[in-house]
Protein backbone atom coordinates (compact mmCIF):
# COMPACT_ATOMS: atom_id res chain seq x y z
CA MET A 1 -23.77 -114.03 -10.52
CA HIS A 2 -20.25 -112.84 -11.86
CA ARG A 3 -22.09 -109.28 -11.99
CA VAL A 4 -23.19 -109.48 -8.40
CA TRP A 5 -19.46 -110.28 -7.24
CA ASN A 6 -18.05 -107.39 -9.29
CA PHE A 7 -20.74 -105.01 -7.56
CA LEU A 8 -19.65 -106.59 -4.30
CA THR A 9 -16.10 -106.11 -4.72
CA ASN A 10 -16.07 -102.91 -6.43
CA TYR A 11 -17.41 -101.07 -3.65
CA SER A 12 -16.00 -103.27 -0.73
CA LEU A 13 -19.40 -104.31 0.22
CA LEU A 14 -18.02 -107.63 1.43
CA LEU A 15 -16.33 -105.49 4.24
CA ILE A 16 -19.62 -104.13 5.42
CA ILE A 17 -21.49 -107.40 5.31
CA GLY A 18 -18.91 -108.83 7.57
CA ALA A 19 -19.06 -105.97 9.79
CA LEU A 20 -22.89 -106.16 10.09
CA ILE A 21 -22.61 -109.93 11.01
CA ALA A 22 -20.17 -109.21 13.47
CA LEU A 23 -22.27 -106.51 15.04
CA VAL A 24 -25.27 -108.87 15.24
CA TRP A 25 -23.50 -111.74 16.55
CA ALA A 26 -21.73 -109.86 19.13
CA ASN A 27 -24.93 -108.39 20.53
CA ILE A 28 -26.93 -111.79 20.42
CA ASP A 29 -24.36 -114.18 21.88
CA TYR A 30 -20.84 -112.33 22.76
CA ASP A 31 -19.15 -115.56 24.24
CA SER A 32 -19.50 -117.54 21.08
CA TYR A 33 -18.41 -114.56 18.84
CA HIS A 34 -15.25 -114.26 21.17
CA HIS A 35 -14.23 -117.78 20.91
CA PHE A 36 -14.51 -117.61 17.28
CA VAL A 37 -12.28 -114.69 16.96
CA GLU A 38 -9.40 -116.23 19.23
CA PHE A 39 -9.84 -119.78 17.76
CA LYS A 40 -6.49 -121.32 17.94
CA ILE A 41 -5.21 -122.53 14.46
CA TRP A 42 -1.76 -123.53 15.66
CA ASP A 43 -0.40 -123.59 19.26
CA HIS A 44 3.47 -123.47 19.68
CA ALA A 45 3.71 -121.96 16.13
CA PRO A 46 6.64 -120.21 14.62
CA ILE A 47 4.52 -117.15 14.21
CA GLY A 48 1.67 -115.52 16.19
CA HIS A 49 0.96 -114.06 19.36
CA LEU A 50 3.33 -114.33 22.13
CA HIS A 51 1.54 -116.22 24.86
CA ASP A 52 3.39 -117.67 27.83
CA GLY A 53 6.60 -117.69 26.26
CA HIS A 54 5.61 -119.25 22.93
CA ARG A 55 3.75 -118.14 19.92
CA THR A 56 0.22 -118.97 19.11
CA LEU A 57 -1.46 -118.69 15.70
CA THR A 58 -5.08 -117.49 16.20
CA LEU A 59 -7.64 -116.47 13.50
CA HIS A 60 -7.72 -113.04 14.56
CA TYR A 61 -3.85 -113.09 14.11
CA LEU A 62 -4.07 -114.71 10.78
CA VAL A 63 -6.22 -112.11 9.38
CA ASN A 64 -5.07 -108.91 11.06
CA ASP A 65 -1.49 -109.61 10.94
CA ILE A 66 -0.76 -111.95 8.05
CA LEU A 67 -3.68 -111.58 5.42
CA MET A 68 -4.16 -107.85 5.76
CA ALA A 69 -0.52 -107.22 4.72
CA LEU A 70 -2.15 -107.88 1.28
CA PHE A 71 -4.57 -105.09 1.86
CA PHE A 72 -1.81 -102.69 2.91
CA ALA A 73 0.41 -103.84 -0.06
CA ILE A 74 -2.14 -102.84 -2.57
CA ALA A 75 -2.57 -99.27 -0.81
CA ALA A 76 1.10 -99.16 -0.97
CA LYS A 77 1.30 -99.90 -4.63
CA GLU A 78 -1.08 -96.81 -5.23
CA VAL A 79 1.16 -94.62 -3.15
CA TRP A 80 4.42 -95.81 -4.95
CA GLU A 81 2.97 -95.12 -8.19
CA ALA A 82 1.64 -91.73 -7.32
CA VAL A 83 5.11 -90.69 -6.10
CA ILE A 84 7.50 -92.41 -8.52
CA LEU A 85 5.74 -92.22 -12.04
CA LYS A 86 6.21 -89.12 -14.03
CA ASN A 87 2.44 -88.34 -14.37
CA GLY A 88 2.04 -89.57 -10.92
CA SER A 89 -0.86 -87.60 -8.91
CA LEU A 90 1.43 -86.96 -5.97
CA ARG A 91 4.19 -85.17 -8.17
CA GLY A 92 4.49 -81.53 -8.93
CA LYS A 93 2.45 -78.45 -8.10
CA LYS A 94 -0.85 -80.19 -8.84
CA ALA A 95 -0.52 -82.14 -6.00
CA ALA A 96 0.40 -79.43 -3.53
CA THR A 97 -2.96 -78.35 -2.54
CA PRO A 98 -4.31 -81.84 -1.82
CA LEU A 99 -1.29 -82.75 0.03
CA VAL A 100 -1.81 -79.49 2.41
CA ALA A 101 -5.52 -80.44 2.83
CA THR A 102 -4.55 -83.91 3.70
CA LEU A 103 -2.24 -82.61 6.41
CA GLY A 104 -5.27 -80.47 7.69
CA GLY A 105 -7.27 -83.70 7.48
CA MET A 106 -4.94 -85.24 10.18
CA VAL A 107 -4.26 -82.19 12.34
CA GLY A 108 -7.96 -81.45 12.74
CA PRO A 109 -9.11 -84.80 13.76
CA ILE A 110 -6.13 -85.07 16.17
CA SER A 111 -6.76 -81.76 17.85
CA ILE A 112 -10.60 -82.57 18.41
CA TYR A 113 -9.77 -86.05 19.47
CA LEU A 114 -7.00 -84.96 22.12
CA GLY A 115 -8.90 -81.35 22.98
CA LEU A 116 -12.15 -83.20 23.93
CA ALA A 117 -10.42 -85.75 25.75
CA LEU A 118 -8.76 -83.15 27.99
CA LEU A 119 -12.01 -81.47 28.63
CA PHE A 120 -13.50 -85.00 29.80
CA GLY A 121 -10.92 -85.19 32.50
CA SER A 122 -7.34 -86.67 33.08
CA ASP A 123 -8.51 -89.97 33.62
CA THR A 124 -10.22 -90.23 30.42
CA TYR A 125 -7.60 -88.48 28.68
CA ASN A 126 -4.73 -91.14 29.95
CA ALA A 127 -7.13 -93.81 29.06
CA VAL A 128 -7.78 -92.90 25.44
CA ALA A 129 -4.77 -90.84 24.46
CA ASN A 130 -3.12 -93.48 22.46
CA GLY A 131 -5.98 -93.73 20.10
CA TRP A 132 -5.22 -90.23 18.56
CA ALA A 133 -4.49 -91.67 15.03
CA ILE A 134 -7.66 -93.53 14.78
CA PRO A 135 -9.82 -90.50 13.40
CA THR A 136 -7.13 -89.57 10.88
CA ALA A 137 -7.91 -92.31 8.55
CA THR A 138 -9.93 -92.12 5.14
CA ASP A 139 -11.38 -94.97 3.67
CA ILE A 140 -10.29 -94.78 -0.12
CA ALA A 141 -13.27 -97.25 -1.32
CA PHE A 142 -16.17 -96.02 0.49
CA SER A 143 -15.07 -92.04 0.28
CA TYR A 144 -14.44 -92.65 -3.43
CA LEU A 145 -17.98 -94.09 -3.82
CA VAL A 146 -19.81 -91.49 -1.77
CA GLY A 147 -17.82 -88.77 -3.49
CA ARG A 148 -18.94 -89.88 -6.73
CA ILE A 149 -22.48 -90.01 -5.24
CA VAL A 150 -22.36 -86.18 -4.31
CA PHE A 151 -20.00 -84.72 -6.90
CA GLY A 152 -20.73 -86.75 -9.93
CA ALA A 153 -17.67 -88.89 -11.44
CA GLY A 154 -16.37 -86.10 -13.70
CA HIS A 155 -16.45 -83.38 -11.01
CA PRO A 156 -12.70 -82.46 -10.24
CA ALA A 157 -13.32 -82.71 -6.59
CA VAL A 158 -13.43 -86.38 -7.12
CA ARG A 159 -9.75 -86.60 -8.30
CA PHE A 160 -8.95 -84.00 -5.50
CA LEU A 161 -10.50 -86.56 -2.84
CA LEU A 162 -8.87 -89.67 -4.20
CA LEU A 163 -5.49 -88.02 -3.99
CA LEU A 164 -6.17 -86.84 -0.52
CA ALA A 165 -7.21 -90.34 0.29
CA ILE A 166 -4.21 -91.75 -1.05
CA ALA A 167 -1.90 -89.49 0.58
CA ASP A 168 -3.86 -90.01 3.72
CA ASP A 169 -3.09 -93.76 3.44
CA ALA A 170 0.57 -93.03 3.14
CA ALA A 171 0.68 -91.07 6.21
CA GLY A 172 -1.34 -93.58 8.01
CA LEU A 173 1.35 -96.34 6.97
CA ILE A 174 4.15 -94.19 8.52
CA ILE A 175 1.86 -93.62 11.56
CA LEU A 176 1.31 -97.35 12.10
CA ALA A 177 5.00 -98.12 11.59
CA VAL A 178 6.35 -95.61 13.89
CA PHE A 179 3.74 -95.07 16.75
CA TYR A 180 2.12 -98.60 16.90
CA PRO A 181 4.72 -101.32 17.03
CA SER A 182 3.54 -104.84 17.90
CA GLY A 183 5.89 -105.52 20.55
CA ASP A 184 9.21 -104.97 21.90
CA LEU A 185 11.45 -103.14 19.17
CA ALA A 186 14.20 -105.21 17.55
CA PRO A 187 15.23 -102.84 14.53
CA VAL A 188 18.05 -105.28 13.48
CA TRP A 189 15.47 -107.31 11.90
CA LEU A 190 14.75 -104.61 9.50
CA LEU A 191 17.85 -105.28 7.95
CA PHE A 192 16.52 -108.76 7.08
CA SER A 193 13.45 -107.24 5.32
CA ALA A 194 15.76 -104.63 3.61
CA GLY A 195 17.73 -107.45 2.59
CA ALA A 196 15.10 -109.60 1.17
CA ALA A 197 14.00 -106.16 -0.93
CA ILE A 198 17.36 -105.48 -2.14
CA ALA A 199 18.11 -109.11 -3.11
CA VAL A 200 14.87 -109.64 -5.10
CA PHE A 201 15.30 -106.15 -6.88
CA ILE A 202 18.84 -107.08 -8.13
CA LEU A 203 18.34 -110.74 -9.00
CA ALA A 204 14.76 -110.44 -10.55
CA ASN A 205 14.56 -106.83 -11.77
CA TRP A 206 17.92 -105.02 -12.28
CA LEU A 207 20.21 -107.97 -13.36
CA PRO A 208 18.07 -109.29 -16.05
CA ARG A 209 17.79 -105.83 -17.52
CA PHE A 210 21.56 -105.31 -17.15
CA LEU A 211 22.20 -108.53 -18.97
CA ASP A 212 19.70 -107.50 -21.82
CA ARG A 213 21.29 -104.11 -22.25
CA GLY A 214 21.67 -103.23 -26.05
CA ASN A 215 19.58 -106.47 -27.03
CA GLN A 216 16.04 -105.73 -27.94
CA ALA A 217 14.77 -109.06 -27.61
CA ARG A 218 15.52 -108.90 -23.90
CA PRO A 219 15.74 -112.80 -23.54
CA ASN A 220 16.93 -112.47 -19.78
CA SER A 221 14.07 -110.50 -18.59
CA THR A 222 11.58 -112.45 -20.85
CA TRP A 223 12.84 -115.64 -19.20
CA VAL A 224 12.52 -114.25 -15.59
CA ARG A 225 9.00 -112.79 -16.35
CA THR A 226 7.51 -115.95 -18.08
CA ARG A 227 9.30 -118.87 -16.12
CA LEU A 228 9.44 -117.13 -12.47
CA HIS A 229 6.79 -114.67 -12.78
CA TYR A 230 5.92 -113.43 -9.17
CA LEU A 231 7.73 -116.36 -7.55
CA PRO A 232 10.85 -114.30 -6.42
CA TYR A 233 8.76 -111.53 -4.98
CA LEU A 234 6.52 -113.99 -2.92
CA ILE A 235 9.62 -115.54 -1.61
CA ALA A 236 11.03 -112.05 -0.72
CA ALA A 237 7.65 -110.92 0.63
CA CYS A 238 7.29 -113.81 3.16
CA LEU A 239 10.87 -113.03 4.17
CA SER A 240 10.22 -109.22 4.58
CA TRP A 241 7.06 -109.89 6.54
CA TYR A 242 9.04 -112.37 8.99
CA GLY A 243 11.49 -109.42 9.49
CA PHE A 244 8.97 -107.12 10.24
CA MET A 245 7.27 -109.71 12.81
CA ARG A 246 10.69 -110.09 14.71
CA SER A 247 11.29 -106.24 14.57
CA GLY A 248 8.23 -105.52 16.45
CA LEU A 249 6.87 -103.13 13.95
CA HIS A 250 3.27 -104.23 12.96
CA PRO A 251 3.58 -107.31 10.48
CA ALA A 252 0.77 -106.19 8.65
CA LEU A 253 3.18 -103.64 6.92
CA GLY A 254 5.77 -106.26 6.20
CA LEU A 255 5.37 -106.26 2.52
CA LEU A 256 5.78 -102.54 2.00
CA PRO A 257 9.80 -102.92 1.18
CA ILE A 258 8.77 -105.38 -1.50
CA VAL A 259 6.30 -103.18 -3.44
CA PRO A 260 8.91 -100.76 -4.92
CA THR A 261 11.00 -103.54 -6.21
CA ILE A 262 8.63 -105.13 -8.58
CA PRO A 263 8.62 -103.90 -12.28
CA HIS A 264 5.82 -101.36 -12.74
CA ALA A 265 4.24 -99.42 -15.68
CA ASP A 266 5.45 -96.15 -17.05
CA ARG A 267 1.94 -94.58 -16.26
CA ALA A 268 -1.20 -95.14 -13.83
CA PHE A 269 -4.70 -94.52 -14.33
CA GLY A 270 -5.89 -94.80 -10.59
CA ILE A 271 -6.92 -97.57 -8.43
CA PHE A 272 -10.77 -97.33 -9.61
CA ALA A 273 -9.86 -96.72 -13.15
CA GLU A 274 -11.31 -99.26 -15.59
CA ALA A 275 -8.13 -98.61 -17.83
CA GLU A 276 -5.93 -100.10 -15.02
CA LYS A 277 -6.87 -103.66 -15.80
CA TYR A 278 -5.27 -103.30 -19.40
CA LEU A 279 -1.77 -102.58 -18.06
CA THR A 280 0.24 -105.76 -18.27
CA ASP A 281 3.31 -104.94 -16.15
CA LEU A 282 3.94 -107.34 -13.03
CA LEU A 283 3.00 -105.05 -10.39
CA ASN A 284 -0.50 -104.36 -12.00
CA GLN A 285 -0.90 -108.14 -12.80
CA ILE A 286 -0.23 -108.75 -9.02
CA GLU A 287 -2.65 -106.17 -7.91
CA HIS A 288 -5.30 -107.48 -10.25
CA ALA A 289 -4.56 -111.01 -8.97
CA LEU A 290 -4.94 -110.08 -5.37
CA LYS A 291 -8.06 -107.90 -5.62
CA GLY A 292 -10.59 -110.70 -5.08
CA PRO A 293 -8.66 -112.55 -2.25
CA VAL A 294 -8.20 -109.16 -0.52
CA GLU A 295 -12.16 -108.38 -0.67
CA ILE A 296 -12.43 -111.80 0.92
CA VAL A 297 -9.74 -110.78 3.56
CA LEU A 298 -11.80 -107.59 4.10
CA PHE A 299 -14.77 -109.74 4.86
CA PHE A 300 -12.99 -111.52 7.48
CA PHE A 301 -11.44 -108.30 8.92
CA GLY A 302 -14.81 -107.01 9.37
CA LEU A 303 -16.11 -110.06 10.80
CA LEU A 304 -13.32 -110.60 13.26
CA ASN A 305 -12.93 -106.83 14.19
CA ALA A 306 -16.35 -105.05 14.14
CA GLY A 307 -18.15 -107.34 16.93
CA VAL A 308 -18.64 -104.75 19.33
CA GLN A 309 -21.50 -104.77 21.88
CA PHE A 310 -23.81 -101.49 21.79
CA SER A 311 -23.36 -101.43 25.58
CA SER A 312 -19.72 -100.66 24.93
CA ILE A 313 -20.45 -97.27 23.58
CA GLY A 314 -18.29 -94.79 25.57
CA ASP A 315 -16.13 -91.87 25.68
CA ALA A 316 -13.75 -93.27 22.90
CA THR A 317 -16.91 -93.76 20.58
CA TRP A 318 -17.65 -89.88 20.63
CA LEU A 319 -13.95 -88.78 20.60
CA VAL A 320 -13.43 -90.67 17.45
CA LEU A 321 -16.57 -89.74 15.92
CA ALA A 322 -16.05 -86.11 16.75
CA GLY A 323 -12.44 -86.33 15.29
CA LEU A 324 -13.79 -87.66 12.11
CA ILE A 325 -17.30 -85.73 11.61
CA VAL A 326 -15.70 -82.35 12.91
CA GLY A 327 -12.02 -82.47 12.88
CA LYS A 328 -11.73 -83.81 9.15
CA PRO A 329 -14.09 -81.14 7.43
CA VAL A 330 -12.51 -78.30 9.47
CA GLY A 331 -8.87 -79.12 8.91
CA ILE A 332 -9.27 -79.90 5.35
CA LEU A 333 -11.31 -76.57 4.89
CA LEU A 334 -8.53 -74.64 6.77
CA PHE A 335 -5.51 -76.05 5.30
CA GLY A 336 -6.99 -76.36 1.64
CA TRP A 337 -7.96 -72.55 2.10
CA VAL A 338 -4.43 -71.57 3.13
CA ALA A 339 -3.07 -73.72 0.38
CA ALA A 340 -5.16 -72.39 -2.32
CA GLY A 341 -5.32 -68.77 -1.18
CA PRO A 342 -2.47 -67.26 0.79
CA LEU A 343 0.18 -69.76 -0.51
CA ARG A 344 -1.30 -69.24 -3.95
CA LEU A 345 -1.22 -72.94 -4.83
CA GLY A 346 -4.76 -72.86 -6.31
CA LEU A 347 -7.40 -75.39 -6.64
CA PRO A 348 -8.22 -77.40 -9.66
CA GLN A 349 -10.35 -75.68 -12.43
CA GLY A 350 -14.01 -76.25 -11.57
CA MET A 351 -13.57 -76.49 -7.95
CA ARG A 352 -14.68 -74.04 -5.25
CA THR A 353 -13.36 -73.26 -1.96
CA VAL A 354 -16.71 -74.54 -0.25
CA ASP A 355 -16.28 -77.90 -2.12
CA LEU A 356 -13.45 -78.37 0.43
CA VAL A 357 -16.08 -78.71 3.32
CA VAL A 358 -17.98 -81.28 1.31
CA ILE A 359 -14.97 -83.20 0.54
CA GLY A 360 -13.96 -83.10 4.30
CA CYS A 361 -17.27 -84.71 5.17
CA VAL A 362 -16.70 -87.43 2.39
CA ALA A 363 -13.15 -88.13 3.84
CA ALA A 364 -14.62 -88.42 7.42
CA ILE A 365 -15.42 -92.12 6.52
CA GLY A 366 -12.69 -93.66 8.40
CA PHE A 367 -14.03 -97.34 8.63
CA THR A 368 -11.20 -99.73 7.51
CA VAL A 369 -8.21 -98.25 8.34
CA SER A 370 -9.66 -96.50 11.60
CA LEU A 371 -10.91 -100.00 12.90
CA PHE A 372 -7.43 -101.39 12.30
CA VAL A 373 -5.67 -98.62 14.11
CA ALA A 374 -8.05 -99.09 16.98
CA SER A 375 -7.43 -102.89 17.22
CA VAL A 376 -3.57 -102.01 17.62
CA ALA A 377 -3.89 -98.71 19.62
CA PHE A 378 -5.58 -100.37 22.46
CA ALA A 379 -5.71 -103.71 24.13
CA PRO A 380 -8.79 -105.99 23.80
CA GLY A 381 -11.40 -104.46 26.25
CA ASP A 382 -13.94 -101.75 26.87
CA ILE A 383 -11.92 -98.85 25.24
CA GLN A 384 -10.67 -100.72 22.15
CA ASP A 385 -14.61 -101.71 21.65
CA ALA A 386 -15.57 -98.09 22.31
CA ALA A 387 -13.28 -96.72 19.79
CA LYS A 388 -14.03 -99.32 17.36
CA MET A 389 -17.88 -98.23 17.59
CA GLY A 390 -16.80 -94.61 16.64
CA ALA A 391 -14.96 -95.94 13.44
CA LEU A 392 -18.08 -97.94 12.56
CA PHE A 393 -20.21 -95.04 13.35
CA SER A 394 -18.25 -92.90 10.97
CA PHE A 395 -20.49 -93.99 8.17
CA VAL A 396 -23.01 -91.48 9.16
CA ALA A 397 -20.59 -89.05 7.47
CA ALA A 398 -21.88 -90.43 3.97
CA PHE A 399 -25.39 -88.99 4.80
CA ILE A 400 -23.64 -85.98 6.08
CA SER A 401 -21.80 -85.36 2.80
CA ILE A 402 -24.96 -85.76 0.66
CA ILE A 403 -26.64 -83.26 2.83
CA ALA A 404 -23.72 -80.97 2.57
CA GLY A 405 -23.69 -81.37 -1.08
CA VAL A 406 -27.18 -80.21 -1.26
CA VAL A 407 -26.72 -77.23 1.19
CA PHE A 408 -23.53 -76.08 -0.63
CA ARG A 409 -25.15 -76.48 -4.04
CA VAL A 410 -22.84 -78.91 -5.52
CA GLU A 411 -23.37 -79.18 -9.23
CA LYS A 412 -22.82 -82.72 -10.15
CA GLN A 413 -20.55 -83.46 -13.21
CA PRO A 414 -21.05 -87.01 -14.96
CA GLY A 415 -18.05 -88.76 -15.90
């Protein structure tokens, strides 16, 4: 049973299972599914959706706005380590070509999405324009899994793809914060979140180390680590989340200011590396502790967000799908070629320019973040459902990637 659980969680299969259940349920009895999604946990709550002048905590809000903050915190942890650590994958020249390719993997889908929307007519464009960010997403877990199948675990294209996906996540977090606020903006509340982050960094991180300077035994740091452990950061995380909620930014991003304040290791092996579990710094310990709960959260995220009727397929479905399936490979190829060739930034040894096409196909699997963006870009209704269907259909990119690997004669390299 333990091995089955590890298999399910290592490849985020619980998310797929939740999404499949939602699809079947919504197409058999949509009314009961809708009532389940909008189940009221607490009316007149201090947190939740604003409704008739008061807040209501629903099951959908609990998962999408509160619990999904844990998922985005783990994504932020990987981005933070990639940027801050000396050997981080987003530092130095080695990251240059993947970062430029990431830009292409966003410009391409946006151009295809909005360009086709214009061709469909002004009415369609006005209705779907706010969903431009949906096809920019890359699902790290699924793209990594498919990348290993296509290239083999030891191929440099897999590391290139993982770096691209992490950078894509970083850009996605910025897009969500800037372009998709959850309500009327009240930026002053961000000072509350910033204050929580600064306070916990000083009191639980910097101050103990300052008091221990010159003392190899490090008694103060040890006391904080053994007695308080993650408690100060949990309190700060709750305060930061509340600040984001009141500020109007999406509260699922509310833990991001706290991630950089947590003591971290001096190296990182990557989110899917086996060696990661042997790192004992507090940041990695928290990530490992959250992995199982976050997989359960992703199951409910799929269950509560993927329940769309097949009759909802519409223009937004094809726009999202075209942005991912066409825009991603084209954008990554063009920008990656410019970076590697004219800009002379080069490609990792063992990678060919044509491999960028296959990487683009793999990166077209949007799924998790695409679903999330669709849920905040549009109000509940036909357009949101159609856009979500496009995000779900992006799984076809996995099969396209395998075919592309054969066509372009990718030589698998075992890890």
